[in-house]
């Protein structure tokens, strides 16, 4: 699905890391893949800033955004480059809230969206509908969760396209 979106973001595009489930403060396998992908991208692009997204879900002792931020810092990303949206509970809210943070903070409005490869198509389509110039930076989904994720995403794309 990610093949349908632009591949190479501009050097200073703002990295948007979409949240996903955590257990306590431990990232799920797919959230960990997103964090590692974002950290590698941010190290390669030192002029890029980042917005970590995700509220606090059931069973999480902190917001997904704070878990992302904490792990990016542990991976060597400077804290001043990381902004957080700890209120959003779905992909559209992630992107909508991040765009407000980007505008209010004077960050580059072009988005380098970091999420699982199966999720990039819908995330970029939502960003496009919200008027953003968007680029995919897909994280590799762990194989053992892929079939369940694809099934859920097909339903989510159908809902997005119909409603």
Protein backbone atom coordinates (compact mmCIF):
# COMPACT_ATOMS: atom_id res chain seq x y z
CA UNK A 1 0.00 0.00 0.00
CA UNK A 2 2.90 2.34 0.67
CA UNK A 3 3.89 2.22 -2.99
CA UNK A 4 1.10 4.67 -3.76
CA UNK A 5 2.79 7.54 -1.87
CA UNK A 6 5.88 9.66 -2.56
CA UNK A 7 9.04 7.91 -1.42
CA UNK A 8 11.74 10.49 -0.59
CA UNK A 9 10.86 13.34 1.81
CA UNK A 10 12.75 16.64 1.71
CA UNK A 11 15.68 16.82 4.17
CA UNK A 12 13.88 19.20 6.55
CA UNK A 13 10.41 17.62 6.42
CA UNK A 14 8.88 17.19 9.86
CA UNK A 15 8.85 13.57 10.95
CA UNK A 16 5.46 12.46 12.22
CA UNK A 17 5.61 9.25 14.30
CA UNK A 18 2.13 7.77 14.65
CA UNK A 19 1.36 6.07 17.95
CA UNK A 20 0.40 2.46 18.53
CA UNK A 21 -0.32 0.25 21.51
CA UNK A 22 2.04 -0.03 24.44
CA UNK A 23 1.94 -2.21 27.53
CA UNK A 24 2.68 0.00 30.49
CA UNK A 25 5.66 1.93 29.12
CA UNK A 26 6.81 -0.88 26.82
CA UNK A 27 6.19 -0.25 23.09
CA UNK A 28 4.36 -2.95 21.13
CA UNK A 29 6.31 -4.64 18.33
CA UNK A 30 4.88 -2.31 15.69
CA UNK A 31 5.41 0.83 17.82
CA UNK A 32 9.00 -0.26 18.45
CA UNK A 33 9.51 -0.64 14.68
CA UNK A 34 8.17 2.90 14.18
CA UNK A 35 10.48 4.29 16.87
CA UNK A 36 13.55 2.59 15.35
CA UNK A 37 12.63 3.81 11.86
CA UNK A 38 12.11 7.38 13.10
CA UNK A 39 15.38 7.36 15.07
CA UNK A 40 17.34 6.20 12.02
CA UNK A 41 15.66 8.80 9.81
CA UNK A 42 16.25 11.64 12.30
CA UNK A 43 19.92 10.72 12.71
CA UNK A 44 20.32 10.77 8.92
CA UNK A 45 18.45 14.10 8.62
CA UNK A 46 19.73 16.38 11.42
CA UNK A 47 17.71 19.39 10.20
CA UNK A 48 14.41 17.52 10.64
CA UNK A 49 12.19 17.90 13.69
CA UNK A 50 9.70 15.32 14.92
CA UNK A 51 6.17 15.18 16.31
CA UNK A 52 5.47 12.04 18.36
CA UNK A 53 1.75 11.25 18.41
CA UNK A 54 -0.58 9.23 20.57
CA UNK A 55 -2.66 9.55 23.69
CA UNK A 56 -2.76 7.21 26.66
CA UNK A 57 -4.77 4.08 25.94
CA UNK A 58 -6.11 1.34 28.16
CA UNK A 59 -3.28 -0.58 29.81
CA UNK A 60 -0.75 2.15 29.06
CA UNK A 61 0.91 3.92 32.00
CA UNK A 62 1.91 6.87 29.81
CA UNK A 63 0.87 8.43 26.52
CA UNK A 64 2.16 6.78 23.36
CA UNK A 65 3.71 10.15 22.43
CA UNK A 66 5.76 10.24 25.65
CA UNK A 67 6.87 6.63 25.12
CA UNK A 68 7.97 7.49 21.57
CA UNK A 69 9.79 10.61 22.80
CA UNK A 70 11.54 8.75 25.62
CA UNK A 71 12.79 6.02 23.27
CA UNK A 72 13.89 8.46 20.57
CA UNK A 73 15.98 10.30 23.18
CA UNK A 74 17.47 6.97 24.34
CA UNK A 75 18.34 6.31 20.68
CA UNK A 76 20.32 9.56 20.53
CA UNK A 77 17.80 12.05 19.07
CA UNK A 78 18.10 15.48 20.73
CA UNK A 79 15.09 16.27 22.94
CA UNK A 80 14.71 19.76 21.44
CA UNK A 81 13.85 18.23 18.06
CA UNK A 82 10.91 16.22 19.46
CA UNK A 83 7.45 17.69 19.96
CA UNK A 84 4.51 15.67 21.31
CA UNK A 85 0.78 15.30 20.76
CA UNK A 86 -0.42 13.24 23.72
CA UNK A 87 -4.17 13.72 23.15
CA UNK A 88 -4.92 11.95 19.85
CA UNK A 89 -6.61 8.55 19.80
CA UNK A 90 -6.69 7.71 16.07
CA UNK A 91 -4.79 8.35 12.86
CA UNK A 92 -6.81 11.38 11.78
CA UNK A 93 -6.42 13.04 15.19
CA UNK A 94 -2.68 12.22 15.14
CA UNK A 95 -2.24 14.08 11.88
CA UNK A 96 -4.68 16.92 12.60
CA UNK A 97 -3.10 17.65 16.00
CA UNK A 98 0.43 17.33 14.60
CA UNK A 99 -0.36 19.86 11.88
CA UNK A 100 -1.43 22.35 14.59
CA UNK A 101 1.79 21.74 16.52
CA UNK A 102 3.83 22.14 13.33
CA UNK A 103 2.11 25.43 12.47
CA UNK A 104 2.33 26.83 16.02
CA UNK A 105 5.99 25.84 16.35
CA UNK A 106 7.09 27.10 12.93
CA UNK A 107 8.22 23.66 11.76
CA UNK A 108 8.44 22.51 8.14
CA UNK A 109 4.87 21.72 7.03
CA UNK A 110 5.94 18.84 4.80
CA UNK A 111 5.34 15.54 6.60
CA UNK A 112 7.60 12.48 6.65
CA UNK A 113 5.06 10.05 8.10
CA UNK A 114 6.54 7.15 10.04
CA UNK A 115 4.12 4.29 10.55
CA UNK A 116 3.92 0.62 9.61
CA UNK A 117 4.17 -0.18 5.91
CA UNK A 118 0.59 -1.50 5.85
CA UNK A 119 -0.69 1.77 7.39
CA UNK A 120 1.15 4.29 5.16
CA UNK A 121 -1.45 4.44 2.39
CA UNK A 122 -4.27 5.50 4.72
CA UNK A 123 -2.09 7.78 6.85
CA UNK A 124 -0.83 9.63 3.76
CA UNK A 125 -4.35 9.80 2.29
CA UNK A 126 -5.64 11.37 5.51
CA UNK A 127 -2.75 13.86 5.55
CA UNK A 128 -3.45 14.74 1.92
CA UNK A 129 -7.14 15.31 2.71
CA UNK A 130 -6.04 17.67 5.49
CA UNK A 131 -3.96 19.65 2.98
CA UNK A 132 -0.51 18.38 3.93
CA UNK A 133 2.36 17.59 1.59
CA UNK A 134 3.09 14.05 2.77
CA UNK A 135 5.79 11.45 2.27
CA UNK A 136 6.02 7.85 3.47
CA UNK A 137 8.78 6.60 5.74
CA UNK A 138 7.48 3.07 6.36
CA UNK A 139 8.49 0.93 9.30
CA UNK A 140 8.73 -2.78 8.60
CA UNK A 141 5.85 -4.54 10.31
CA UNK A 142 6.94 -7.58 12.34
CA UNK A 143 5.80 -10.64 10.32
CA UNK A 144 4.01 -12.36 13.19
CA UNK A 145 1.46 -9.52 13.53
CA UNK A 146 1.13 -8.68 9.84
CA UNK A 147 -1.99 -10.69 8.93
CA UNK A 148 -4.08 -9.23 11.77
CA UNK A 149 -2.84 -5.72 10.96
CA UNK A 150 -3.65 -6.05 7.25
CA UNK A 151 -7.16 -7.30 8.01
CA UNK A 152 -7.81 -4.36 10.34
CA UNK A 153 -6.33 -1.89 7.86
CA UNK A 154 -8.51 -3.11 4.97
CA UNK A 155 -11.57 -2.36 7.12
CA UNK A 156 -10.15 1.03 8.14
CA UNK A 157 -9.43 1.97 4.51
CA UNK A 158 -12.96 0.95 3.53
CA UNK A 159 -14.38 3.16 6.29
CA UNK A 160 -12.10 6.04 5.24
CA UNK A 161 -13.15 5.80 1.59
CA UNK A 162 -16.87 5.38 2.28
CA UNK A 163 -17.32 7.91 5.07
